[in-house]
Each structure stands twice: as structure tokens, then as C-alpha cells.
């Protein structure tokens, strides 16, 4: 799956609508195989993003976990460290 789609579950504060929509957009772009649809396909593309975001929001609301909430800054630092290792020259 696309590396730009990040886990959204179990964060404090919870994922924002912008984060959910961004993840949905990345998913639809990946499935469609394009970052910008043709004008004739724009409505279908936008509808798919809205539907995936809607389903994602419901999923996040319904998931149950016993793990403590994750810290966004700590998780971002971990991602940066992994990227640094991955792209080190």
C-alpha cells in the first residue's frame, strides 16, 4: 500500500477530518492509478474519495483497543528515523 497512508487509529487527539480525507485521497489515487483524473472522471473520483473517507470515519469510530493512545510527535519522529535509515547514502 502507499507509504503516504498513515495509521489513523488510537491517537490522542483522534484523527481529524483532514487526515481522514487525505488518507482517502491517497487510497483512491492508488486504486485509480492517477493523481489527477481526467475532467470526465472528476465527479466519480471525488465521490469515491468522499465515500472512502466516510467509511474510514465509521471504522475509526467503531474500532476498540486496550492499548494506550499513541503520541503524534513520537510516531512522527519514528517515521523520520526510518526514512533517514531508508534513504541514507
PDB file of N, CA and C in Angstrom:
ATOM      1  N   UNK A   1       0.836  -1.170   0.000  1.00  0.00           N
ATOM      2  CA  UNK A   1       0.000   0.000   0.000  1.00  0.00           C
ATOM      3  C   UNK A   1       0.886   1.239   0.000  1.00  0.00           C
ATOM      4  N   UNK A   2       0.316   2.334  -0.287  1.00  0.00           N
ATOM      5  CA  UNK A   2       1.026   3.600  -0.399  1.00  0.00           C
ATOM      6  C   UNK A   2       1.650   4.011   0.934  1.00  0.00           C
ATOM      7  N   UNK A   3       2.889   4.422   0.914  1.00  0.00           N
ATOM      8  CA  UNK A   3       3.571   4.826   2.146  1.00  0.00           C
ATOM      9  C   UNK A   3       2.997   6.107   2.721  1.00  0.00           C
ATOM     10  N   UNK A   4       2.289   6.890   1.925  1.00  0.00           N
ATOM     11  CA  UNK A   4       1.725   8.144   2.409  1.00  0.00           C
ATOM     12  C   UNK A   4       0.476   7.934   3.257  1.00  0.00           C
ATOM     13  N   UNK A   5      -0.084   6.744   3.239  1.00  0.00           N
ATOM     14  CA  UNK A   5      -1.253   6.477   4.060  1.00  0.00           C
ATOM     15  C   UNK A   5      -0.741   6.010   5.412  1.00  0.00           C
ATOM     16  N   UNK A   6      -1.030   6.806   6.432  1.00  0.00           N
ATOM     17  CA  UNK A   6      -0.542   6.514   7.775  1.00  0.00           C
ATOM     18  C   UNK A   6      -1.666   5.961   8.642  1.00  0.00           C
ATOM     19  N   UNK A   7      -1.307   5.161   9.640  1.00  0.00           N
ATOM     20  CA  UNK A   7      -2.332   4.691  10.578  1.00  0.00           C
ATOM     21  C   UNK A   7      -3.021   5.883  11.241  1.00  0.00           C
ATOM     22  N   UNK A   8      -4.326   5.788  11.397  1.00  0.00           N
ATOM     23  CA  UNK A   8      -5.101   6.871  11.993  1.00  0.00           C
ATOM     24  C   UNK A   8      -5.766   6.457  13.302  1.00  0.00           C
ATOM     25  N   UNK A   9      -5.682   5.192  13.637  1.00  0.00           N
ATOM     26  CA  UNK A   9      -6.374   4.693  14.817  1.00  0.00           C
ATOM     27  C   UNK A   9      -5.542   4.872  16.082  1.00  0.00           C
ATOM     28  N   UNK A  10      -6.237   5.120  17.175  1.00  0.00           N
ATOM     29  CA  UNK A  10      -5.658   5.144  18.519  1.00  0.00           C
ATOM     30  C   UNK A  10      -4.666   6.284  18.735  1.00  0.00           C
ATOM     31  N   UNK A  11      -5.021   7.471  18.282  1.00  0.00           N
ATOM     32  CA  UNK A  11      -4.218   8.658  18.545  1.00  0.00           C
ATOM     33  C   UNK A  11      -4.994   9.585  19.462  1.00  0.00           C
ATOM     34  N   UNK A  12      -4.261  10.342  20.240  1.00  0.00           N
ATOM     35  CA  UNK A  12      -4.877  11.354  21.087  1.00  0.00           C
ATOM     36  C   UNK A  12      -4.267  12.688  20.711  1.00  0.00           C
ATOM     37  N   UNK A  13      -4.993  13.631  20.187  1.00  0.00           N
ATOM     38  CA  UNK A  13      -6.416  13.602  19.870  1.00  0.00           C
ATOM     39  C   UNK A  13      -6.695  12.725  18.646  1.00  0.00           C
ATOM     40  N   UNK A  14      -7.955  12.318  18.470  1.00  0.00           N
ATOM     41  CA  UNK A  14      -8.302  11.440  17.344  1.00  0.00           C
ATOM     42  C   UNK A  14      -7.993  12.090  15.990  1.00  0.00           C
ATOM     43  N   UNK A  15      -7.965  11.268  14.967  1.00  0.00           N
ATOM     44  CA  UNK A  15      -7.695  11.747  13.615  1.00  0.00           C
ATOM     45  C   UNK A  15      -8.714  12.814  13.221  1.00  0.00           C
ATOM     46  N   UNK A  16      -8.223  13.835  12.540  1.00  0.00           N
ATOM     47  CA  UNK A  16      -9.089  14.923  12.092  1.00  0.00           C
ATOM     48  C   UNK A  16      -9.747  14.551  10.762  1.00  0.00           C
ATOM     49  N   UNK A  17     -10.753  15.316  10.390  1.00  0.00           N
ATOM     50  CA  UNK A  17     -11.407  15.100   9.093  1.00  0.00           C
ATOM     51  C   UNK A  17     -10.400  15.279   7.958  1.00  0.00           C
ATOM     52  N   UNK A  18      -9.487  16.238   8.100  1.00  0.00           N
ATOM     53  CA  UNK A  18      -8.471  16.460   7.065  1.00  0.00           C
ATOM     54  C   UNK A  18      -7.565  15.245   6.908  1.00  0.00           C
ATOM     55  N   UNK A  19      -7.175  14.624   8.014  1.00  0.00           N
ATOM     56  CA  UNK A  19      -6.318  13.436   7.948  1.00  0.00           C
ATOM     57  C   UNK A  19      -7.061  12.271   7.297  1.00  0.00           C
ATOM     58  N   UNK A  20      -8.325  12.104   7.644  1.00  0.00           N
ATOM     59  CA  UNK A  20      -9.129  11.028   7.060  1.00  0.00           C
ATOM     60  C   UNK A  20      -9.308  11.262   5.563  1.00  0.00           C
ATOM     61  N   UNK A  21      -9.602  12.494   5.184  1.00  0.00           N
ATOM     62  CA  UNK A  21      -9.785  12.812   3.766  1.00  0.00           C
ATOM     63  C   UNK A  21      -8.484  12.645   2.984  1.00  0.00           C
ATOM     64  N   UNK A  22      -7.366  13.037   3.578  1.00  0.00           N
ATOM     65  CA  UNK A  22      -6.073  12.873   2.905  1.00  0.00           C
ATOM     66  C   UNK A  22      -5.756  11.394   2.685  1.00  0.00           C
ATOM     67  N   UNK A  23      -6.049  10.564   3.669  1.00  0.00           N
ATOM     68  CA  UNK A  23      -5.823   9.122   3.517  1.00  0.00           C
ATOM     69  C   UNK A  23      -6.737   8.557   2.430  1.00  0.00           C
ATOM     70  N   UNK A  24      -7.987   8.999   2.419  1.00  0.00           N
ATOM     71  CA  UNK A  24      -8.939   8.533   1.399  1.00  0.00           C
ATOM     72  C   UNK A  24      -8.472   8.951   0.010  1.00  0.00           C
ATOM     73  N   UNK A  25      -7.992  10.176  -0.116  1.00  0.00           N
ATOM     74  CA  UNK A  25      -7.495  10.666  -1.402  1.00  0.00           C
ATOM     75  C   UNK A  25      -6.313   9.825  -1.882  1.00  0.00           C
ATOM     76  N   UNK A  26      -5.379   9.528  -0.986  1.00  0.00           N
ATOM     77  CA  UNK A  26      -4.235   8.701  -1.362  1.00  0.00           C
ATOM     78  C   UNK A  26      -4.682   7.314  -1.806  1.00  0.00           C
ATOM     79  N   UNK A  27      -5.639   6.738  -1.082  1.00  0.00           N
ATOM     80  CA  UNK A  27      -6.137   5.411  -1.436  1.00  0.00           C
ATOM     81  C   UNK A  27      -6.787   5.429  -2.820  1.00  0.00           C
ATOM     82  N   UNK A  28      -7.653   6.404  -3.072  1.00  0.00           N
ATOM     83  CA  UNK A  28      -8.336   6.480  -4.371  1.00  0.00           C
ATOM     84  C   UNK A  28      -7.332   6.735  -5.490  1.00  0.00           C
ATOM     85  N   UNK A  29      -6.340   7.568  -5.245  1.00  0.00           N
ATOM     86  CA  UNK A  29      -5.300   7.791  -6.255  1.00  0.00           C
ATOM     87  C   UNK A  29      -4.573   6.496  -6.580  1.00  0.00           C
ATOM     88  N   UNK A  30      -4.261   5.723  -5.550  1.00  0.00           N
ATOM     89  CA  UNK A  30      -3.548   4.463  -5.749  1.00  0.00           C
ATOM     90  C   UNK A  30      -4.404   3.485  -6.565  1.00  0.00           C
ATOM     91  N   UNK A  31      -5.658   3.343  -6.173  1.00  0.00           N
ATOM     92  CA  UNK A  31      -6.555   2.415  -6.869  1.00  0.00           C
ATOM     93  C   UNK A  31      -6.802   2.862  -8.306  1.00  0.00           C
ATOM     94  N   UNK A  32      -6.990   4.171  -8.499  1.00  0.00           N
ATOM     95  CA  UNK A  32      -7.273   4.699  -9.838  1.00  0.00           C
ATOM     96  C   UNK A  32      -6.025   4.725 -10.719  1.00  0.00           C
ATOM     97  N   UNK A  33      -4.856   4.737 -10.082  1.00  0.00           N
ATOM     98  CA  UNK A  33      -3.625   4.772 -10.861  1.00  0.00           C
ATOM     99  C   UNK A  33      -3.302   6.141 -11.411  1.00  0.00           C
ATOM    100  N   UNK A  34      -3.873   7.173 -10.809  1.00  0.00           N
ATOM    101  CA  UNK A  34      -3.631   8.530 -11.270  1.00  0.00           C
ATOM    102  C   UNK A  34      -3.759   9.507 -10.115  1.00  0.00           C
ATOM    103  N   UNK A  35      -3.003  10.580 -10.178  1.00  0.00           N
ATOM    104  CA  UNK A  35      -3.122  11.603  -9.142  1.00  0.00           C
ATOM    105  C   UNK A  35      -4.141  12.665  -9.522  1.00  0.00           C
ATOM    106  N   UNK A  36      -4.341  12.842 -10.817  1.00  0.00           N
ATOM    107  CA  UNK A  36      -5.335  13.804 -11.295  1.00  0.00           C
ATOM    108  C   UNK A  36      -6.187  13.137 -12.356  1.00  0.00           C
ATOM    109  N   UNK A  37      -7.459  12.922 -12.059  1.00  0.00           N
ATOM    110  CA  UNK A  37      -8.315  12.273 -13.045  1.00  0.00           C
ATOM    111  C   UNK A  37      -8.647  13.221 -14.198  1.00  0.00           C
ATOM    112  N   UNK A  38      -9.022  12.639 -15.305  1.00  0.00           N
ATOM    113  CA  UNK A  38      -9.492  13.434 -16.434  1.00  0.00           C
ATOM    114  C   UNK A  38     -10.761  14.166 -16.016  1.00  0.00           C
ATOM    115  N   UNK A  39     -11.045  15.260 -16.657  1.00  0.00           N
ATOM    116  CA  UNK A  39     -12.217  16.064 -16.322  1.00  0.00           C
ATOM    117  C   UNK A  39     -13.488  15.226 -16.336  1.00  0.00           C
ATOM    118  N   UNK A  40     -13.589  14.325 -17.278  1.00  0.00           N
ATOM    119  CA  UNK A  40     -14.782  13.488 -17.387  1.00  0.00           C
ATOM    120  C   UNK A  40     -14.915  12.538 -16.182  1.00  0.00           C
ATOM    121  N   UNK A  41     -13.816  12.218 -15.529  1.00  0.00           N
ATOM    122  CA  UNK A  41     -13.834  11.303 -14.382  1.00  0.00           C
ATOM    123  C   UNK A  41     -13.788  12.006 -13.028  1.00  0.00           C
ATOM    124  N   UNK A  42     -13.712  13.322 -13.011  1.00  0.00           N
ATOM    125  CA  UNK A  42     -13.544  14.065 -11.763  1.00  0.00           C
ATOM    126  C   UNK A  42     -14.675  13.810 -10.763  1.00  0.00           C
ATOM    127  N   UNK A  43     -15.902  13.784 -11.225  1.00  0.00           N
ATOM    128  CA  UNK A  43     -17.040  13.574 -10.311  1.00  0.00           C
ATOM    129  C   UNK A  43     -16.964  12.196  -9.663  1.00  0.00           C
ATOM    130  N   UNK A  44     -16.655  11.169 -10.456  1.00  0.00           N
ATOM    131  CA  UNK A  44     -16.538   9.817  -9.903  1.00  0.00           C
ATOM    132  C   UNK A  44     -15.380   9.738  -8.918  1.00  0.00           C
ATOM    133  N   UNK A  45     -14.283  10.389  -9.227  1.00  0.00           N
ATOM    134  CA  UNK A  45     -13.105  10.414  -8.368  1.00  0.00           C
ATOM    135  C   UNK A  45     -13.446  11.087  -7.027  1.00  0.00           C
ATOM    136  N   UNK A  46     -14.074  12.250  -7.092  1.00  0.00           N
ATOM    137  CA  UNK A  46     -14.452  12.979  -5.879  1.00  0.00           C
ATOM    138  C   UNK A  46     -15.453  12.197  -5.041  1.00  0.00           C
ATOM    139  N   UNK A  47     -16.397  11.547  -5.698  1.00  0.00           N
ATOM    140  CA  UNK A  47     -17.388  10.731  -4.986  1.00  0.00           C
ATOM    141  C   UNK A  47     -16.708   9.557  -4.276  1.00  0.00           C
ATOM    142  N   UNK A  48     -15.747   8.941  -4.938  1.00  0.00           N
ATOM    143  CA  UNK A  48     -15.019   7.821  -4.328  1.00  0.00           C
ATOM    144  C   UNK A  48     -14.235   8.293  -3.103  1.00  0.00           C
ATOM    145  N   UNK A  49     -13.597   9.446  -3.187  1.00  0.00           N
ATOM    146  CA  UNK A  49     -12.856   9.980  -2.042  1.00  0.00           C
ATOM    147  C   UNK A  49     -13.808  10.228  -0.879  1.00  0.00           C
ATOM    148  N   UNK A  50     -14.971  10.817  -1.147  1.00  0.00           N
ATOM    149  CA  UNK A  50     -15.945  11.096  -0.089  1.00  0.00           C
ATOM    150  C   UNK A  50     -16.458   9.807   0.543  1.00  0.00           C
ATOM    151  N   UNK A  51     -16.719   8.796  -0.263  1.00  0.00           N
ATOM    152  CA  UNK A  51     -17.237   7.533   0.264  1.00  0.00           C
ATOM    153  C   UNK A  51     -16.181   6.783   1.082  1.00  0.00           C
ATOM    154  N   UNK A  52     -14.940   6.784   0.618  1.00  0.00           N
ATOM    155  CA  UNK A  52     -13.869   6.125   1.367  1.00  0.00           C
ATOM    156  C   UNK A  52     -13.628   6.866   2.682  1.00  0.00           C
ATOM    157  N   UNK A  53     -13.653   8.189   2.658  1.00  0.00           N
ATOM    158  CA  UNK A  53     -13.475   8.971   3.890  1.00  0.00           C
ATOM    159  C   UNK A  53     -14.607   8.680   4.873  1.00  0.00           C
ATOM    160  N   UNK A  54     -15.824   8.581   4.366  1.00  0.00           N
ATOM    161  CA  UNK A  54     -16.983   8.277   5.208  1.00  0.00           C
ATOM    162  C   UNK A  54     -16.828   6.902   5.864  1.00  0.00           C
ATOM    163  N   UNK A  55     -16.466   5.911   5.082  1.00  0.00           N
ATOM    164  CA  UNK A  55     -16.279   4.555   5.608  1.00  0.00           C
ATOM    165  C   UNK A  55     -15.121   4.520   6.605  1.00  0.00           C
ATOM    166  N   UNK A  56     -14.064   5.266   6.328  1.00  0.00           N
ATOM    167  CA  UNK A  56     -12.914   5.314   7.226  1.00  0.00           C
ATOM    168  C   UNK A  56     -13.302   5.929   8.563  1.00  0.00           C
ATOM    169  N   UNK A  57     -14.067   7.006   8.530  1.00  0.00           N
ATOM    170  CA  UNK A  57     -14.508   7.655   9.763  1.00  0.00           C
ATOM    171  C   UNK A  57     -15.329   6.674  10.602  1.00  0.00           C
ATOM    172  N   UNK A  58     -16.246   5.945   9.970  1.00  0.00           N
ATOM    173  CA  UNK A  58     -17.051   4.959  10.701  1.00  0.00           C
ATOM    174  C   UNK A  58     -16.172   3.852  11.281  1.00  0.00           C
ATOM    175  N   UNK A  59     -15.201   3.395  10.524  1.00  0.00           N
ATOM    176  CA  UNK A  59     -14.293   2.364  11.011  1.00  0.00           C
ATOM    177  C   UNK A  59     -13.538   2.855  12.243  1.00  0.00           C
ATOM    178  N   UNK A  60     -12.986   4.055  12.172  1.00  0.00           N
ATOM    179  CA  UNK A  60     -12.222   4.598  13.295  1.00  0.00           C
ATOM    180  C   UNK A  60     -13.094   4.773  14.537  1.00  0.00           C
ATOM    181  N   UNK A  61     -14.351   5.151  14.332  1.00  0.00           N
ATOM    182  CA  UNK A  61     -15.273   5.315  15.465  1.00  0.00           C
ATOM    183  C   UNK A  61     -15.616   3.980  16.111  1.00  0.00           C
ATOM    184  N   UNK A  62     -15.657   2.921  15.317  1.00  0.00           N
ATOM    185  CA  UNK A  62     -16.101   1.612  15.820  1.00  0.00           C
ATOM    186  C   UNK A  62     -14.973   0.743  16.363  1.00  0.00           C
ATOM    187  N   UNK A  63     -13.727   1.037  16.019  1.00  0.00           N
ATOM    188  CA  UNK A  63     -12.617   0.211  16.492  1.00  0.00           C
ATOM    189  C   UNK A  63     -12.441   0.353  18.006  1.00  0.00           C
ATOM    190  N   UNK A  64     -12.149  -0.762  18.654  1.00  0.00           N
ATOM    191  CA  UNK A  64     -11.924  -0.787  20.093  1.00  0.00           C
ATOM    192  C   UNK A  64     -10.518  -1.296  20.347  1.00  0.00           C
ATOM    193  N   UNK A  65      -9.804  -0.652  21.267  1.00  0.00           N
ATOM    194  CA  UNK A  65      -8.455  -1.079  21.595  1.00  0.00           C
ATOM    195  C   UNK A  65      -8.216  -0.906  23.093  1.00  0.00           C
ATOM    196  N   UNK A  66      -7.341  -1.738  23.614  1.00  0.00           N
ATOM    197  CA  UNK A  66      -6.962  -1.608  25.017  1.00  0.00           C
ATOM    198  C   UNK A  66      -5.597  -0.948  25.156  1.00  0.00           C
ATOM    199  N   UNK A  67      -4.938  -0.702  24.040  1.00  0.00           N
ATOM    200  CA  UNK A  67      -3.620  -0.066  24.058  1.00  0.00           C
ATOM    201  C   UNK A  67      -3.767   1.413  24.401  1.00  0.00           C
ATOM    202  N   UNK A  68      -2.781   1.979  25.062  1.00  0.00           N
ATOM    203  CA  UNK A  68      -2.846   3.416  25.347  1.00  0.00           C
ATOM    204  C   UNK A  68      -2.736   4.211  24.046  1.00  0.00           C
ATOM    205  N   UNK A  69      -3.348   5.392  23.991  1.00  0.00           N
ATOM    206  CA  UNK A  69      -3.269   6.211  22.773  1.00  0.00           C
ATOM    207  C   UNK A  69      -1.827   6.570  22.428  1.00  0.00           C
ATOM    208  N   UNK A  70      -1.558   6.647  21.124  1.00  0.00           N
ATOM    209  CA  UNK A  70      -0.220   6.993  20.646  1.00  0.00           C
ATOM    210  C   UNK A  70      -0.064   8.518  20.590  1.00  0.00           C
ATOM    211  N   UNK A  71       1.167   8.950  20.702  1.00  0.00           N
ATOM    212  CA  UNK A  71       1.507  10.359  20.627  1.00  0.00           C
ATOM    213  C   UNK A  71       1.939  10.675  19.198  1.00  0.00           C
ATOM    214  N   UNK A  72       1.339  11.675  18.592  1.00  0.00           N
ATOM    215  CA  UNK A  72       1.628  12.015  17.199  1.00  0.00           C
ATOM    216  C   UNK A  72       3.090  12.408  16.985  1.00  0.00           C
ATOM    217  N   UNK A  73       3.642  13.176  17.908  1.00  0.00           N
ATOM    218  CA  UNK A  73       5.023  13.632  17.751  1.00  0.00           C
ATOM    219  C   UNK A  73       6.005  12.467  17.831  1.00  0.00           C
ATOM    220  N   UNK A  74       5.754  11.544  18.738  1.00  0.00           N
ATOM    221  CA  UNK A  74       6.632  10.372  18.876  1.00  0.00           C
ATOM    222  C   UNK A  74       6.563   9.514  17.614  1.00  0.00           C
ATOM    223  N   UNK A  75       5.357   9.295  17.120  1.00  0.00           N
ATOM    224  CA  UNK A  75       5.191   8.491  15.900  1.00  0.00           C
ATOM    225  C   UNK A  75       5.843   9.180  14.703  1.00  0.00           C
ATOM    226  N   UNK A  76       5.738  10.504  14.618  1.00  0.00           N
ATOM    227  CA  UNK A  76       6.374  11.246  13.520  1.00  0.00           C
ATOM    228  C   UNK A  76       7.891  11.126  13.605  1.00  0.00           C
ATOM    229  N   UNK A  77       8.437  11.176  14.809  1.00  0.00           N
ATOM    230  CA  UNK A  77       9.886  11.019  14.978  1.00  0.00           C
ATOM    231  C   UNK A  77      10.336   9.627  14.541  1.00  0.00           C
ATOM    232  N   UNK A  78       9.542   8.614  14.852  1.00  0.00           N
ATOM    233  CA  UNK A  78       9.864   7.250  14.416  1.00  0.00           C
ATOM    234  C   UNK A  78       9.864   7.164  12.895  1.00  0.00           C
ATOM    235  N   UNK A  79       8.870   7.796  12.244  1.00  0.00           N
ATOM    236  CA  UNK A  79       8.809   7.779  10.778  1.00  0.00           C
ATOM    237  C   UNK A  79      10.023   8.477  10.179  1.00  0.00           C
ATOM    238  N   UNK A  80      10.403   9.611  10.769  1.00  0.00           N
ATOM    239  CA  UNK A  80      11.581  10.329  10.262  1.00  0.00           C
ATOM    240  C   UNK A  80      12.843   9.491  10.411  1.00  0.00           C
ATOM    241  N   UNK A  81      12.987   8.795  11.534  1.00  0.00           N
ATOM    242  CA  UNK A  81      14.159   7.946  11.747  1.00  0.00           C
ATOM    243  C   UNK A  81      14.201   6.807  10.742  1.00  0.00           C
ATOM    244  N   UNK A  82      13.051   6.187  10.476  1.00  0.00           N
ATOM    245  CA  UNK A  82      13.002   5.107   9.479  1.00  0.00           C
ATOM    246  C   UNK A  82      13.348   5.641   8.097  1.00  0.00           C
ATOM    247  N   UNK A  83      12.829   6.819   7.757  1.00  0.00           N
ATOM    248  CA  UNK A  83      13.116   7.408   6.448  1.00  0.00           C
ATOM    249  C   UNK A  83      14.600   7.752   6.327  1.00  0.00           C
ATOM    250  N   UNK A  84      15.170   8.264   7.391  1.00  0.00           N
ATOM    251  CA  UNK A  84      16.593   8.589   7.376  1.00  0.00           C
ATOM    252  C   UNK A  84      17.434   7.353   7.126  1.00  0.00           C
ATOM    253  N   UNK A  85      17.073   6.255   7.775  1.00  0.00           N
ATOM    254  CA  UNK A  85      17.785   4.998   7.571  1.00  0.00           C
ATOM    255  C   UNK A  85      17.566   4.479   6.150  1.00  0.00           C
ATOM    256  N   UNK A  86      16.333   4.557   5.686  1.00  0.00           N
ATOM    257  CA  UNK A  86      15.989   4.034   4.364  1.00  0.00           C
ATOM    258  C   UNK A  86      16.698   4.810   3.256  1.00  0.00           C
ATOM    259  N   UNK A  87      16.784   6.128   3.402  1.00  0.00           N
ATOM    260  CA  UNK A  87      17.326   6.955   2.325  1.00  0.00           C
ATOM    261  C   UNK A  87      18.756   7.419   2.582  1.00  0.00           C
ATOM    262  N   UNK A  88      19.423   6.848   3.588  1.00  0.00           N
ATOM    263  CA  UNK A  88      20.805   7.220   3.868  1.00  0.00           C
ATOM    264  C   UNK A  88      21.699   6.827   2.699  1.00  0.00           C
ATOM    265  N   UNK A  89      22.670   7.671   2.438  1.00  0.00           N
ATOM    266  CA  UNK A  89      23.560   7.390   1.299  1.00  0.00           C
ATOM    267  C   UNK A  89      24.915   7.044   1.786  1.00  0.00           C
TER     268      UNK A  89
END
